[in-house]
Amino acid sequence: MEEDRKTILIVDDEPPIRDILVYNLEKEGYKTIEASDGVTAVNVALEQKPDLILLDIMLPKLDGLSVCKRIKNSINVPILMLTAKDGEIDKILGLELGADDYITKPFSVRELVARVKANLRKVEVISGENQVIEKQPSDDKKKESKIVVGDLELDLDKFEVKVRGEVMDLTLREFEVLKFLASQPEQVVTRETLLEKVWGYEYYGDIRTVDVTVRRIREKIEKDTSIPKILITKRGVGYYIASK
C-alpha cells in the first residue's frame, strides 16, 4: 500500500508553510518530501521524481520560475505554483515556463488540497486516454486521432496543433483547451466549464486561469489577436472555435 501513495515535493523557504502543507497532505494520504531553496528543489525533483510539486516563486538561491523551467525541461511532472503576487500569474502560465497551475497566497488548505487532487487526477486521465488510443485498431486510430476545424488541425496522437499547415508550439494545457473547444465547433463553452473539464476543478475556481491561457493560445494561433478568427470570445458567456 505504501508504494501506491503519491509523492508530493513541497518547495517553500518558510518552515511554517511547509509544516502546514506536510501535515494536511499526509492527512490526505500523500507522501511528502521538502526543499527550502531552488537549487535543492531541482536536485530533489530530478533524483526522486515526485508525482506533483508545490513550488513557491520567492525562493533563495534560485527563484521558483527558474526552478519550474529546469524541472520541466527534464521530467514531465505537474507543478502547482504558489504566488503572493497577482502580477506573477501571467508569467506562471506562460509557454516558456510550463507550469500546470497556480494558487495565490494566502490560500485555504482545503482549496490547495482540491487543486492537488485535480492535477493528479488529470494526469491519470490523460495516461488512461493514451493507453486506450494505443489499443485501438489502426483504422479506428486514424479516424479518431485528428480534429480539423477550418484552418485548425489537431493531431491527438502527437499532441500537435497546426494552423494553415504550420505547427504551433503549445503547452499540454493549451492543447487540452483547444481540443475541448475544437471537438464541438461553434459551441460556446463557459470559463467555468473549461475549468471543470480541462483543469478538473469541481468547484468555482479562478477563471483568470482560463482567460490567461486563452490569451496565450491566441498569441500563437491568430494572425491578429485583436481580431481573432479561430478562437472567439462570446462576450459575457465564454469561448468557442469558429468553423470557418
Protein backbone atom coordinates (compact mmCIF):
# COMPACT_ATOMS: atom_id res chain seq x y z
CA MET A 1 0.00 0.00 0.00
CA GLU A 2 2.93 2.30 0.75
CA GLU A 3 4.01 2.09 -2.91
CA ASP A 4 0.59 3.37 -4.06
CA ARG A 5 0.91 6.68 -2.19
CA LYS A 6 1.56 9.67 -4.41
CA THR A 7 4.65 11.69 -3.52
CA ILE A 8 4.46 15.48 -3.37
CA LEU A 9 7.53 17.71 -3.26
CA ILE A 10 6.88 20.87 -1.21
CA VAL A 11 9.22 23.75 -2.02
CA ASP A 12 8.99 26.82 0.24
CA ASP A 13 11.57 28.70 2.31
CA GLU A 14 9.11 29.32 5.16
CA PRO A 15 9.08 26.38 7.64
CA PRO A 16 5.57 27.18 8.99
CA ILE A 17 4.08 26.92 5.48
CA ARG A 18 5.93 23.67 4.78
CA ASP A 19 4.73 22.27 8.13
CA ILE A 20 1.09 23.14 7.37
CA LEU A 21 1.29 21.59 3.90
CA VAL A 22 3.06 18.46 5.12
CA TYR A 23 0.51 17.93 7.88
CA ASN A 24 -2.55 18.36 5.65
CA LEU A 25 -1.24 16.45 2.64
CA GLU A 26 -0.09 13.49 4.72
CA LYS A 27 -3.51 13.52 6.43
CA GLU A 28 -4.96 13.08 2.92
CA GLY A 29 -2.75 10.04 2.36
CA TYR A 30 0.09 11.58 0.36
CA LYS A 31 3.80 11.10 1.00
CA THR A 32 5.72 14.38 1.21
CA ILE A 33 9.32 15.49 0.66
CA GLU A 34 10.62 19.01 1.22
CA ALA A 35 13.07 21.60 -0.11
CA SER A 36 13.70 25.10 1.22
CA ASP A 37 15.62 26.61 -1.72
CA GLY A 38 15.55 26.47 -5.51
CA VAL A 39 18.78 24.57 -6.11
CA THR A 40 17.82 21.81 -3.67
CA ALA A 41 14.35 21.67 -5.24
CA VAL A 42 15.76 20.93 -8.70
CA ASN A 43 18.13 18.27 -7.37
CA VAL A 44 15.46 16.55 -5.27
CA ALA A 45 12.90 16.64 -8.10
CA LEU A 46 15.26 15.07 -10.64
CA GLU A 47 16.51 12.44 -8.19
CA GLN A 48 13.21 11.39 -6.60
CA LYS A 49 10.76 12.21 -9.43
CA PRO A 50 7.71 13.15 -7.30
CA ASP A 51 4.17 12.83 -8.66
CA LEU A 52 3.47 16.55 -8.13
CA ILE A 53 5.40 19.64 -6.99
CA LEU A 54 4.12 22.58 -4.91
CA LEU A 55 6.53 25.36 -5.77
CA ASP A 56 6.83 28.81 -4.21
CA ILE A 57 8.02 31.62 -6.51
CA MET A 58 10.12 33.56 -3.98
CA LEU A 59 12.99 31.21 -3.12
CA PRO A 60 16.64 31.63 -2.10
CA LYS A 61 19.47 30.52 -4.47
CA LEU A 62 17.16 30.03 -7.47
CA ASP A 63 13.69 31.54 -7.94
CA GLY A 64 10.63 29.36 -8.47
CA LEU A 65 10.12 30.37 -12.10
CA SER A 66 13.65 29.18 -12.98
CA VAL A 67 13.16 26.02 -10.91
CA CYS A 68 9.96 25.22 -12.81
CA LYS A 69 11.64 25.71 -16.16
CA ARG A 70 14.62 23.48 -15.29
CA ILE A 71 12.47 20.68 -13.92
CA LYS A 72 10.06 20.76 -16.88
CA ASN A 73 12.99 20.53 -19.29
CA SER A 74 13.94 17.19 -17.73
CA ILE A 75 10.82 15.47 -16.40
CA ASN A 76 7.08 15.69 -17.04
CA VAL A 77 5.57 16.35 -13.61
CA PRO A 78 2.60 18.59 -12.71
CA ILE A 79 3.78 21.77 -10.97
CA LEU A 80 1.46 23.94 -8.90
CA MET A 81 3.00 27.36 -8.29
CA LEU A 82 2.45 29.27 -5.03
CA THR A 83 2.49 33.03 -5.52
CA ALA A 84 1.85 36.04 -3.30
CA LYS A 85 1.58 38.39 -6.27
CA ASP A 86 -1.25 38.58 -8.80
CA GLY A 87 1.22 40.09 -11.25
CA GLU A 88 3.17 36.82 -11.42
CA ILE A 89 0.19 34.85 -12.75
CA ASP A 90 0.83 35.79 -16.39
CA LYS A 91 4.41 34.53 -16.16
CA ILE A 92 3.42 31.32 -14.42
CA LEU A 93 1.03 30.30 -17.18
CA GLY A 94 3.46 31.11 -19.99
CA LEU A 95 4.78 28.62 -22.53
CA GLU A 96 8.37 29.37 -21.56
CA LEU A 97 7.62 28.06 -18.08
CA GLY A 98 5.26 25.12 -18.47
CA ALA A 99 3.62 25.35 -15.03
CA ASP A 100 0.33 23.46 -14.80
CA ASP A 101 -1.49 25.55 -12.21
CA TYR A 102 -1.13 28.24 -9.58
CA ILE A 103 -2.68 29.35 -6.32
CA THR A 104 -2.26 32.71 -4.63
CA LYS A 105 -1.23 33.26 -1.01
CA PRO A 106 -2.82 33.35 1.43
CA PHE A 107 -4.61 30.20 0.30
CA SER A 108 -7.11 27.95 2.05
CA VAL A 109 -5.66 24.50 2.72
CA ARG A 110 -8.92 22.95 1.53
CA GLU A 111 -8.63 24.67 -1.84
CA LEU A 112 -4.97 23.74 -2.21
CA VAL A 113 -5.68 20.06 -1.48
CA ALA A 114 -8.52 20.18 -4.04
CA ARG A 115 -6.11 21.59 -6.64
CA VAL A 116 -3.55 18.90 -5.85
CA LYS A 117 -6.17 16.17 -6.29
CA ALA A 118 -7.45 17.73 -9.53
CA ASN A 119 -3.99 17.92 -11.10
CA LEU A 120 -3.06 14.37 -10.08
CA ARG A 121 -6.39 13.09 -11.39
CA LYS A 122 -5.85 14.89 -14.72
CA VAL A 123 -2.51 13.13 -15.18
CA GLU A 124 -4.19 9.77 -14.59
CA VAL A 125 -6.98 10.58 -17.07
CA ILE A 126 -4.54 11.62 -19.80
CA SER A 127 -2.44 8.49 -19.21
CA GLY A 128 -5.56 6.35 -19.40
CA GLU A 129 -6.68 8.02 -22.64
CA ASN A 130 -3.27 7.39 -24.20
CA GLN A 131 -3.45 3.71 -23.29
CA VAL A 132 -6.91 3.41 -24.84
CA ILE A 133 -5.70 5.08 -28.06
CA GLU A 134 -2.76 2.67 -28.28
CA LYS A 135 -5.09 -0.35 -28.02
CA GLN A 136 -7.39 0.76 -30.85
CA PRO A 137 -7.15 -0.86 -34.31
CA SER A 138 -5.10 1.20 -36.74
CA ASP A 139 -8.10 2.20 -38.93
CA ASP A 140 -10.05 3.50 -35.94
CA LYS A 141 -6.97 5.26 -34.67
CA LYS A 142 -6.56 7.17 -37.93
CA LYS A 143 -10.20 8.27 -37.85
CA GLU A 144 -10.12 9.44 -34.25
CA SER A 145 -6.62 10.86 -34.00
CA LYS A 146 -7.29 14.19 -35.74
CA ILE A 147 -9.69 17.09 -35.35
CA VAL A 148 -9.91 19.54 -38.26
CA VAL A 149 -11.93 22.74 -37.96
CA GLY A 150 -11.33 25.41 -40.60
CA ASP A 151 -7.64 26.38 -40.56
CA LEU A 152 -7.09 24.48 -37.31
CA GLU A 153 -5.84 20.88 -37.20
CA LEU A 154 -5.16 18.89 -34.01
CA ASP A 155 -3.23 15.63 -34.04
CA LEU A 156 -4.33 13.87 -30.85
CA ASP A 157 -1.57 11.24 -31.04
CA LYS A 158 1.28 13.73 -31.34
CA PHE A 159 -0.36 16.44 -29.18
CA GLU A 160 0.37 18.70 -32.17
CA VAL A 161 -1.52 21.75 -33.41
CA LYS A 162 -1.29 23.14 -36.94
CA VAL A 163 -2.76 26.39 -38.22
CA ARG A 164 -2.84 26.68 -42.01
CA GLY A 165 -0.35 23.78 -42.11
CA GLU A 166 2.16 25.41 -39.74
CA VAL A 167 2.96 23.65 -36.46
CA MET A 168 2.30 25.76 -33.34
CA ASP A 169 4.24 25.27 -30.10
CA LEU A 170 1.61 24.85 -27.37
CA THR A 171 1.80 23.55 -23.82
CA LEU A 172 -0.17 20.43 -22.91
CA ARG A 173 -2.75 22.55 -21.06
CA GLU A 174 -3.19 24.86 -24.06
CA PHE A 175 -3.59 21.81 -26.29
CA GLU A 176 -6.25 20.37 -23.97
CA VAL A 177 -8.22 23.65 -24.06
CA LEU A 178 -8.12 23.73 -27.88
CA LYS A 179 -9.02 20.05 -28.09
CA PHE A 180 -12.07 20.51 -25.86
CA LEU A 181 -13.30 23.53 -27.83
CA ALA A 182 -12.46 22.12 -31.29
CA SER A 183 -14.33 18.89 -30.57
CA GLN A 184 -17.53 20.97 -30.52
CA PRO A 185 -17.02 23.83 -33.03
CA GLU A 186 -19.36 26.85 -32.84
CA GLN A 187 -20.48 25.67 -29.40
CA VAL A 188 -19.89 28.37 -26.78
CA VAL A 189 -18.23 26.96 -23.66
CA THR A 190 -18.21 28.91 -20.39
CA ARG A 191 -14.98 29.53 -18.50
CA GLU A 192 -16.41 27.61 -15.55
CA THR A 193 -16.99 24.58 -17.78
CA LEU A 194 -13.43 24.80 -19.11
CA LEU A 195 -12.12 24.92 -15.54
CA GLU A 196 -14.08 21.82 -14.67
CA LYS A 197 -13.42 19.78 -17.84
CA VAL A 198 -9.83 20.78 -18.66
CA TRP A 199 -8.35 21.72 -15.29
CA GLY A 200 -10.51 19.26 -13.36
CA TYR A 201 -11.83 21.68 -10.74
CA GLU A 202 -15.11 20.55 -9.23
CA TYR A 203 -15.82 23.93 -7.71
CA TYR A 204 -15.73 27.56 -8.78
CA GLY A 205 -12.03 28.04 -9.48
CA ASP A 206 -10.09 31.10 -10.60
CA ILE A 207 -11.46 31.97 -14.05
CA ARG A 208 -8.42 34.19 -14.70
CA THR A 209 -6.57 30.93 -15.31
CA VAL A 210 -8.79 30.33 -18.35
CA ASP A 211 -8.52 33.91 -19.64
CA VAL A 212 -4.74 33.97 -19.46
CA THR A 213 -4.46 30.55 -21.13
CA VAL A 214 -6.83 31.59 -23.94
CA ARG A 215 -4.79 34.74 -24.48
CA ARG A 216 -1.61 32.67 -24.72
CA ILE A 217 -3.23 30.36 -27.26
CA ARG A 218 -4.37 33.31 -29.36
CA GLU A 219 -0.86 34.77 -29.40
CA LYS A 220 0.27 31.55 -31.07
CA ILE A 221 -2.57 30.67 -33.46
CA GLU A 222 -4.10 34.00 -34.53
CA LYS A 223 -2.70 36.36 -37.17
CA ASP A 224 -4.14 39.34 -35.29
CA THR A 225 -5.06 38.80 -31.63
CA SER A 226 -7.23 41.95 -31.64
CA ILE A 227 -9.44 40.37 -34.31
CA PRO A 228 -9.36 36.61 -33.61
CA LYS A 229 -10.69 34.38 -36.39
CA ILE A 230 -10.25 30.94 -34.79
CA LEU A 231 -10.73 31.15 -31.01
CA ILE A 232 -13.63 33.52 -30.49
CA THR A 233 -15.00 35.20 -27.35
CA LYS A 234 -18.74 35.31 -26.80
CA ARG A 235 -18.83 38.31 -24.50
CA GLY A 236 -20.23 37.57 -21.07
CA VAL A 237 -20.56 33.85 -21.83
CA GLY A 238 -17.33 32.10 -22.84
CA TYR A 239 -15.30 30.89 -25.82
CA TYR A 240 -15.77 28.84 -28.99
CA ILE A 241 -13.89 27.69 -32.09
CA ALA A 242 -15.12 29.16 -35.38
CA SER A 243 -15.79 26.54 -38.06
CA LYS A 244 -14.99 28.87 -40.98
